[in-house]
Amino acid sequence: MFFVYVIKSKIDGRLYKGFTNNLERRLKEHNYGKNKTTAPYKPWSLVYNEGFETRKEARKREKYFKSGVGREFLKNILNL
């Protein structure tokens, strides 16, 4: 199973979108600073996720969330 996730920085409220096959491990990695893109903005909290059977489906959804339409979708469901 693969997960597309959205995490929010507790520092400045920025969102980060990604996908993984282990959501718990990946969130810990973000909060321990193992990702140089997200390290300066930790701690992070999980605000949204979706599960998919295949990596291909998850990657497609992640790309959608990173598009303008996908950002609007997230803005609406997360009440931002």
PDB file of N, CA and C in Angstrom:
ATOM      1  N   MET A   1       0.842  -1.183   0.000  1.00  0.00           N
ATOM      2  CA  MET A   1       0.000   0.000   0.000  1.00  0.00           C
ATOM      3  C   MET A   1       0.889   1.248   0.000  1.00  0.00           C
ATOM      4  N   PHE A   2       0.467   2.245  -0.743  1.00  0.00           N
ATOM      5  CA  PHE A   2       1.180   3.513  -0.818  1.00  0.00           C
ATOM      6  C   PHE A   2       0.263   4.629  -0.349  1.00  0.00           C
ATOM      7  N   PHE A   3       0.869   5.637   0.241  1.00  0.00           N
ATOM      8  CA  PHE A   3       0.111   6.756   0.781  1.00  0.00           C
ATOM      9  C   PHE A   3       0.611   8.068   0.201  1.00  0.00           C
ATOM     10  N   VAL A   4      -0.332   8.916  -0.158  1.00  0.00           N
ATOM     11  CA  VAL A   4      -0.028  10.298  -0.506  1.00  0.00           C
ATOM     12  C   VAL A   4      -0.383  11.076   0.748  1.00  0.00           C
ATOM     13  N   TYR A   5       0.505  11.974   1.144  1.00  0.00           N
ATOM     14  CA  TYR A   5       0.280  12.680   2.398  1.00  0.00           C
ATOM     15  C   TYR A   5       0.556  14.165   2.254  1.00  0.00           C
ATOM     16  N   VAL A   6      -0.056  14.914   3.142  1.00  0.00           N
ATOM     17  CA  VAL A   6       0.187  16.353   3.233  1.00  0.00           C
ATOM     18  C   VAL A   6       0.525  16.624   4.691  1.00  0.00           C
ATOM     19  N   ILE A   7       1.669  17.267   4.901  1.00  0.00           N
ATOM     20  CA  ILE A   7       2.063  17.639   6.250  1.00  0.00           C
ATOM     21  C   ILE A   7       2.142  19.162   6.328  1.00  0.00           C
ATOM     22  N   LYS A   8       1.934  19.669   7.529  1.00  0.00           N
ATOM     23  CA  LYS A   8       1.924  21.120   7.737  1.00  0.00           C
ATOM     24  C   LYS A   8       2.963  21.483   8.786  1.00  0.00           C
ATOM     25  N   SER A   9       3.758  22.499   8.485  1.00  0.00           N
ATOM     26  CA  SER A   9       4.775  22.968   9.409  1.00  0.00           C
ATOM     27  C   SER A   9       4.118  23.692  10.577  1.00  0.00           C
ATOM     28  N   LYS A  10       4.535  23.352  11.780  1.00  0.00           N
ATOM     29  CA  LYS A  10       4.023  24.047  12.963  1.00  0.00           C
ATOM     30  C   LYS A  10       4.737  25.389  13.150  1.00  0.00           C
ATOM     31  N   ILE A  11       5.789  25.620  12.380  1.00  0.00           N
ATOM     32  CA  ILE A  11       6.536  26.882  12.448  1.00  0.00           C
ATOM     33  C   ILE A  11       5.837  27.991  11.663  1.00  0.00           C
ATOM     34  N   ASP A  12       5.568  27.732  10.382  1.00  0.00           N
ATOM     35  CA  ASP A  12       4.994  28.794   9.551  1.00  0.00           C
ATOM     36  C   ASP A  12       3.753  28.381   8.758  1.00  0.00           C
ATOM     37  N   GLY A  13       3.272  27.150   8.951  1.00  0.00           N
ATOM     38  CA  GLY A  13       2.038  26.722   8.299  1.00  0.00           C
ATOM     39  C   GLY A  13       2.162  26.250   6.870  1.00  0.00           C
ATOM     40  N   ARG A  14       3.406  26.182   6.348  1.00  0.00           N
ATOM     41  CA  ARG A  14       3.568  25.730   4.963  1.00  0.00           C
ATOM     42  C   ARG A  14       3.184  24.254   4.847  1.00  0.00           C
ATOM     43  N   LEU A  15       2.760  23.860   3.651  1.00  0.00           N
ATOM     44  CA  LEU A  15       2.377  22.480   3.382  1.00  0.00           C
ATOM     45  C   LEU A  15       3.444  21.795   2.546  1.00  0.00           C
ATOM     46  N   TYR A  16       3.607  20.498   2.786  1.00  0.00           N
ATOM     47  CA  TYR A  16       4.510  19.669   1.990  1.00  0.00           C
ATOM     48  C   TYR A  16       3.711  18.451   1.559  1.00  0.00           C
ATOM     49  N   LYS A  17       3.807  18.101   0.287  1.00  0.00           N
ATOM     50  CA  LYS A  17       3.090  16.954  -0.253  1.00  0.00           C
ATOM     51  C   LYS A  17       4.086  15.893  -0.692  1.00  0.00           C
ATOM     52  N   GLY A  18       3.786  14.645  -0.384  1.00  0.00           N
ATOM     53  CA  GLY A  18       4.677  13.560  -0.773  1.00  0.00           C
ATOM     54  C   GLY A  18       3.945  12.233  -0.805  1.00  0.00           C
ATOM     55  N   PHE A  19       4.679  11.160  -1.118  1.00  0.00           N
ATOM     56  CA  PHE A  19       4.084   9.829  -1.053  1.00  0.00           C
ATOM     57  C   PHE A  19       5.107   8.848  -0.507  1.00  0.00           C
ATOM     58  N   THR A  20       4.605   7.764   0.079  1.00  0.00           N
ATOM     59  CA  THR A  20       5.458   6.786   0.736  1.00  0.00           C
ATOM     60  C   THR A  20       4.716   5.469   0.876  1.00  0.00           C
ATOM     61  N   ASN A  21       5.463   4.418   1.209  1.00  0.00           N
ATOM     62  CA  ASN A  21       4.815   3.145   1.510  1.00  0.00           C
ATOM     63  C   ASN A  21       4.747   2.904   3.016  1.00  0.00           C
ATOM     64  N   ASN A  22       5.287   3.843   3.811  1.00  0.00           N
ATOM     65  CA  ASN A  22       5.248   3.737   5.266  1.00  0.00           C
ATOM     66  C   ASN A  22       5.058   5.144   5.844  1.00  0.00           C
ATOM     67  N   LEU A  23       3.820   5.483   6.093  1.00  0.00           N
ATOM     68  CA  LEU A  23       3.469   6.841   6.508  1.00  0.00           C
ATOM     69  C   LEU A  23       4.072   7.228   7.854  1.00  0.00           C
ATOM     70  N   GLU A  24       4.022   6.341   8.816  1.00  0.00           N
ATOM     71  CA  GLU A  24       4.562   6.631  10.152  1.00  0.00           C
ATOM     72  C   GLU A  24       6.068   6.911  10.103  1.00  0.00           C
ATOM     73  N   ARG A  25       6.800   6.042   9.400  1.00  0.00           N
ATOM     74  CA  ARG A  25       8.246   6.218   9.259  1.00  0.00           C
ATOM     75  C   ARG A  25       8.574   7.532   8.560  1.00  0.00           C
ATOM     76  N   ARG A  26       7.829   7.833   7.504  1.00  0.00           N
ATOM     77  CA  ARG A  26       8.111   9.033   6.715  1.00  0.00           C
ATOM     78  C   ARG A  26       7.873  10.305   7.523  1.00  0.00           C
ATOM     79  N   LEU A  27       6.826  10.332   8.322  1.00  0.00           N
ATOM     80  CA  LEU A  27       6.572  11.505   9.157  1.00  0.00           C
ATOM     81  C   LEU A  27       7.696  11.685  10.177  1.00  0.00           C
ATOM     82  N   LYS A  28       8.174  10.582  10.743  1.00  0.00           N
ATOM     83  CA  LYS A  28       9.298  10.654  11.686  1.00  0.00           C
ATOM     84  C   LYS A  28      10.541  11.202  10.996  1.00  0.00           C
ATOM     85  N   GLU A  29      10.791  10.769   9.759  1.00  0.00           N
ATOM     86  CA  GLU A  29      11.947  11.266   9.010  1.00  0.00           C
ATOM     87  C   GLU A  29      11.868  12.778   8.811  1.00  0.00           C
ATOM     88  N   HIS A  30      10.675  13.264   8.488  1.00  0.00           N
ATOM     89  CA  HIS A  30      10.515  14.707   8.316  1.00  0.00           C
ATOM     90  C   HIS A  30      10.788  15.432   9.634  1.00  0.00           C
ATOM     91  N   ASN A  31      10.292  14.894  10.718  1.00  0.00           N
ATOM     92  CA  ASN A  31      10.448  15.558  12.013  1.00  0.00           C
ATOM     93  C   ASN A  31      11.846  15.415  12.613  1.00  0.00           C
ATOM     94  N   TYR A  32      12.609  14.412  12.179  1.00  0.00           N
ATOM     95  CA  TYR A  32      13.992  14.261  12.638  1.00  0.00           C
ATOM     96  C   TYR A  32      14.968  15.047  11.770  1.00  0.00           C
ATOM     97  N   GLY A  33      14.447  15.676  10.691  1.00  0.00           N
ATOM     98  CA  GLY A  33      15.297  16.490   9.839  1.00  0.00           C
ATOM     99  C   GLY A  33      16.071  15.718   8.790  1.00  0.00           C
ATOM    100  N   LYS A  34      15.612  14.522   8.416  1.00  0.00           N
ATOM    101  CA  LYS A  34      16.329  13.713   7.429  1.00  0.00           C
ATOM    102  C   LYS A  34      16.095  14.173   5.987  1.00  0.00           C
ATOM    103  N   ASN A  35      15.136  15.043   5.787  1.00  0.00           N
ATOM    104  CA  ASN A  35      14.859  15.582   4.459  1.00  0.00           C
ATOM    105  C   ASN A  35      15.294  17.039   4.467  1.00  0.00           C
ATOM    106  N   LYS A  36      16.276  17.398   3.649  1.00  0.00           N
ATOM    107  CA  LYS A  36      16.823  18.755   3.713  1.00  0.00           C
ATOM    108  C   LYS A  36      15.820  19.819   3.274  1.00  0.00           C
ATOM    109  N   THR A  37      14.825  19.434   2.499  1.00  0.00           N
ATOM    110  CA  THR A  37      13.800  20.380   2.079  1.00  0.00           C
ATOM    111  C   THR A  37      12.886  20.764   3.237  1.00  0.00           C
ATOM    112  N   THR A  38      12.581  19.810   4.105  1.00  0.00           N
ATOM    113  CA  THR A  38      11.627  20.070   5.180  1.00  0.00           C
ATOM    114  C   THR A  38      12.282  20.333   6.537  1.00  0.00           C
ATOM    115  N   ALA A  39      13.553  20.028   6.694  1.00  0.00           N
ATOM    116  CA  ALA A  39      14.236  20.168   7.989  1.00  0.00           C
ATOM    117  C   ALA A  39      14.125  21.558   8.624  1.00  0.00           C
ATOM    118  N   PRO A  40      14.286  22.635   7.861  1.00  0.00           N
ATOM    119  CA  PRO A  40      14.234  23.959   8.499  1.00  0.00           C
ATOM    120  C   PRO A  40      12.861  24.340   9.064  1.00  0.00           C
ATOM    121  N   TYR A  41      11.822  23.604   8.683  1.00  0.00           N
ATOM    122  CA  TYR A  41      10.459  23.989   9.052  1.00  0.00           C
ATOM    123  C   TYR A  41       9.806  23.010  10.030  1.00  0.00           C
ATOM    124  N   LYS A  42      10.597  22.105  10.615  1.00  0.00           N
ATOM    125  CA  LYS A  42      10.042  21.144  11.561  1.00  0.00           C
ATOM    126  C   LYS A  42       9.700  21.834  12.866  1.00  0.00           C
ATOM    127  N   PRO A  43       8.780  21.348  13.627  1.00  0.00           N
ATOM    128  CA  PRO A  43       8.076  20.073  13.498  1.00  0.00           C
ATOM    129  C   PRO A  43       6.911  20.138  12.496  1.00  0.00           C
ATOM    130  N   TRP A  44       6.553  18.959  12.018  1.00  0.00           N
ATOM    131  CA  TRP A  44       5.482  18.791  11.045  1.00  0.00           C
ATOM    132  C   TRP A  44       4.360  17.960  11.650  1.00  0.00           C
ATOM    133  N   SER A  45       3.147  18.220  11.196  1.00  0.00           N
ATOM    134  CA  SER A  45       2.022  17.373  11.606  1.00  0.00           C
ATOM    135  C   SER A  45       1.284  16.919  10.344  1.00  0.00           C
ATOM    136  N   LEU A  46       0.793  15.702  10.390  1.00  0.00           N
ATOM    137  CA  LEU A  46       0.050  15.135   9.269  1.00  0.00           C
ATOM    138  C   LEU A  46      -1.338  15.756   9.246  1.00  0.00           C
ATOM    139  N   VAL A  47      -1.724  16.346   8.104  1.00  0.00           N
ATOM    140  CA  VAL A  47      -3.041  16.971   8.003  1.00  0.00           C
ATOM    141  C   VAL A  47      -3.959  16.256   7.017  1.00  0.00           C
ATOM    142  N   TYR A  48      -3.391  15.409   6.134  1.00  0.00           N
ATOM    143  CA  TYR A  48      -4.224  14.710   5.153  1.00  0.00           C
ATOM    144  C   TYR A  48      -3.451  13.544   4.563  1.00  0.00           C
ATOM    145  N   ASN A  49      -4.154  12.443   4.273  1.00  0.00           N
ATOM    146  CA  ASN A  49      -3.528  11.332   3.558  1.00  0.00           C
ATOM    147  C   ASN A  49      -4.568  10.504   2.837  1.00  0.00           C
ATOM    148  N   GLU A  50      -4.135   9.833   1.790  1.00  0.00           N
ATOM    149  CA  GLU A  50      -4.957   8.919   1.004  1.00  0.00           C
ATOM    150  C   GLU A  50      -4.139   7.678   0.721  1.00  0.00           C
ATOM    151  N   GLY A  51      -4.783   6.511   0.684  1.00  0.00           N
ATOM    152  CA  GLY A  51      -4.099   5.252   0.395  1.00  0.00           C
ATOM    153  C   GLY A  51      -4.366   4.775  -1.023  1.00  0.00           C
ATOM    154  N   PHE A  52      -3.356   4.130  -1.620  1.00  0.00           N
ATOM    155  CA  PHE A  52      -3.461   3.614  -2.980  1.00  0.00           C
ATOM    156  C   PHE A  52      -2.815   2.238  -3.055  1.00  0.00           C
ATOM    157  N   GLU A  53      -3.295   1.413  -3.961  1.00  0.00           N
ATOM    158  CA  GLU A  53      -2.759   0.070  -4.143  1.00  0.00           C
ATOM    159  C   GLU A  53      -1.395   0.067  -4.823  1.00  0.00           C
ATOM    160  N   THR A  54      -1.192   1.001  -5.745  1.00  0.00           N
ATOM    161  CA  THR A  54       0.057   0.985  -6.506  1.00  0.00           C
ATOM    162  C   THR A  54       0.831   2.296  -6.351  1.00  0.00           C
ATOM    163  N   ARG A  55       2.136   2.191  -6.556  1.00  0.00           N
ATOM    164  CA  ARG A  55       3.018   3.358  -6.524  1.00  0.00           C
ATOM    165  C   ARG A  55       2.630   4.351  -7.622  1.00  0.00           C
ATOM    166  N   LYS A  56       2.267   3.833  -8.775  1.00  0.00           N
ATOM    167  CA  LYS A  56       1.899   4.668  -9.917  1.00  0.00           C
ATOM    168  C   LYS A  56       0.692   5.549  -9.597  1.00  0.00           C
ATOM    169  N   GLU A  57      -0.329   4.966  -8.950  1.00  0.00           N
ATOM    170  CA  GLU A  57      -1.520   5.731  -8.574  1.00  0.00           C
ATOM    171  C   GLU A  57      -1.168   6.820  -7.556  1.00  0.00           C
ATOM    172  N   ALA A  58      -0.335   6.452  -6.579  1.00  0.00           N
ATOM    173  CA  ALA A  58       0.058   7.402  -5.539  1.00  0.00           C
ATOM    174  C   ALA A  58       0.848   8.564  -6.141  1.00  0.00           C
ATOM    175  N   ARG A  59       1.764   8.261  -7.035  1.00  0.00           N
ATOM    176  CA  ARG A  59       2.576   9.300  -7.673  1.00  0.00           C
ATOM    177  C   ARG A  59       1.707  10.244  -8.492  1.00  0.00           C
ATOM    178  N   LYS A  60       0.719   9.688  -9.176  1.00  0.00           N
ATOM    179  CA  LYS A  60      -0.196  10.509  -9.975  1.00  0.00           C
ATOM    180  C   LYS A  60      -0.972  11.475  -9.076  1.00  0.00           C
ATOM    181  N   ARG A  61      -1.438  10.979  -7.935  1.00  0.00           N
ATOM    182  CA  ARG A  61      -2.200  11.826  -7.007  1.00  0.00           C
ATOM    183  C   ARG A  61      -1.292  12.896  -6.380  1.00  0.00           C
ATOM    184  N   GLU A  62      -0.057  12.518  -6.056  1.00  0.00           N
ATOM    185  CA  GLU A  62       0.897  13.490  -5.509  1.00  0.00           C
ATOM    186  C   GLU A  62       1.115  14.628  -6.514  1.00  0.00           C
ATOM    187  N   LYS A  63       1.293  14.279  -7.776  1.00  0.00           N
ATOM    188  CA  LYS A  63       1.486  15.299  -8.814  1.00  0.00           C
ATOM    189  C   LYS A  63       0.264  16.211  -8.909  1.00  0.00           C
ATOM    190  N   TYR A  64      -0.913  15.625  -8.754  1.00  0.00           N
ATOM    191  CA  TYR A  64      -2.148  16.422  -8.768  1.00  0.00           C
ATOM    192  C   TYR A  64      -2.135  17.437  -7.626  1.00  0.00           C
ATOM    193  N   PHE A  65      -1.778  16.988  -6.414  1.00  0.00           N
ATOM    194  CA  PHE A  65      -1.749  17.890  -5.258  1.00  0.00           C
ATOM    195  C   PHE A  65      -0.745  19.028  -5.444  1.00  0.00           C
ATOM    196  N   LYS A  66       0.280  18.798  -6.233  1.00  0.00           N
ATOM    197  CA  LYS A  66       1.292  19.823  -6.467  1.00  0.00           C
ATOM    198  C   LYS A  66       0.916  20.768  -7.613  1.00  0.00           C
ATOM    199  N   SER A  67      -0.193  20.468  -8.296  1.00  0.00           N
ATOM    200  CA  SER A  67      -0.668  21.335  -9.381  1.00  0.00           C
ATOM    201  C   SER A  67      -1.539  22.439  -8.803  1.00  0.00           C
ATOM    202  N   GLY A  68      -1.838  23.429  -9.603  1.00  0.00           N
ATOM    203  CA  GLY A  68      -2.694  24.529  -9.152  1.00  0.00           C
ATOM    204  C   GLY A  68      -4.072  24.053  -8.722  1.00  0.00           C
ATOM    205  N   VAL A  69      -4.678  23.170  -9.513  1.00  0.00           N
ATOM    206  CA  VAL A  69      -6.002  22.637  -9.190  1.00  0.00           C
ATOM    207  C   VAL A  69      -5.937  21.808  -7.910  1.00  0.00           C
ATOM    208  N   GLY A  70      -4.880  21.025  -7.766  1.00  0.00           N
ATOM    209  CA  GLY A  70      -4.708  20.206  -6.563  1.00  0.00           C
ATOM    210  C   GLY A  70      -4.501  21.045  -5.316  1.00  0.00           C
ATOM    211  N   ARG A  71      -3.755  22.130  -5.443  1.00  0.00           N
ATOM    212  CA  ARG A  71      -3.559  23.036  -4.296  1.00  0.00           C
ATOM    213  C   ARG A  71      -4.883  23.663  -3.880  1.00  0.00           C
ATOM    214  N   GLU A  72      -5.702  24.011  -4.855  1.00  0.00           N
ATOM    215  CA  GLU A  72      -7.034  24.561  -4.538  1.00  0.00           C
ATOM    216  C   GLU A  72      -7.894  23.519  -3.842  1.00  0.00           C
ATOM    217  N   PHE A  73      -7.845  22.277  -4.318  1.00  0.00           N
ATOM    218  CA  PHE A  73      -8.583  21.175  -3.697  1.00  0.00           C
ATOM    219  C   PHE A  73      -8.182  21.045  -2.228  1.00  0.00           C
ATOM    220  N   LEU A  74      -6.887  21.024  -1.959  1.00  0.00           N
ATOM    221  CA  LEU A  74      -6.387  20.905  -0.583  1.00  0.00           C
ATOM    222  C   LEU A  74      -6.801  22.109   0.261  1.00  0.00           C
ATOM    223  N   LYS A  75      -6.732  23.285  -0.338  1.00  0.00           N
ATOM    224  CA  LYS A  75      -7.116  24.494   0.378  1.00  0.00           C
ATOM    225  C   LYS A  75      -8.564  24.398   0.848  1.00  0.00           C
ATOM    226  N   ASN A  76      -9.419  23.873  -0.018  1.00  0.00           N
ATOM    227  CA  ASN A  76     -10.842  23.747   0.314  1.00  0.00           C
ATOM    228  C   ASN A  76     -11.097  22.677   1.370  1.00  0.00           C
ATOM    229  N   ILE A  77     -10.471  21.516   1.247  1.00  0.00           N
ATOM    230  CA  ILE A  77     -10.769  20.463   2.229  1.00  0.00           C
ATOM    231  C   ILE A  77     -10.070  20.676   3.559  1.00  0.00           C
ATOM    232  N   LEU A  78      -8.976  21.430   3.554  1.00  0.00           N
ATOM    233  CA  LEU A  78      -8.258  21.702   4.803  1.00  0.00           C
ATOM    234  C   LEU A  78      -8.680  23.030   5.427  1.00  0.00           C
ATOM    235  N   ASN A  79      -9.638  23.706   4.790  1.00  0.00           N
ATOM    236  CA  ASN A  79     -10.138  24.999   5.274  1.00  0.00           C
ATOM    237  C   ASN A  79      -9.031  26.023   5.487  1.00  0.00           C
ATOM    238  N   LEU A  80      -8.169  26.160   4.486  1.00  0.00           N
ATOM    239  CA  LEU A  80      -7.064  27.131   4.572  1.00  0.00           C
ATOM    240  C   LEU A  80      -7.453  28.437   3.913  1.00  0.00           C
TER     241      LEU A  80
END
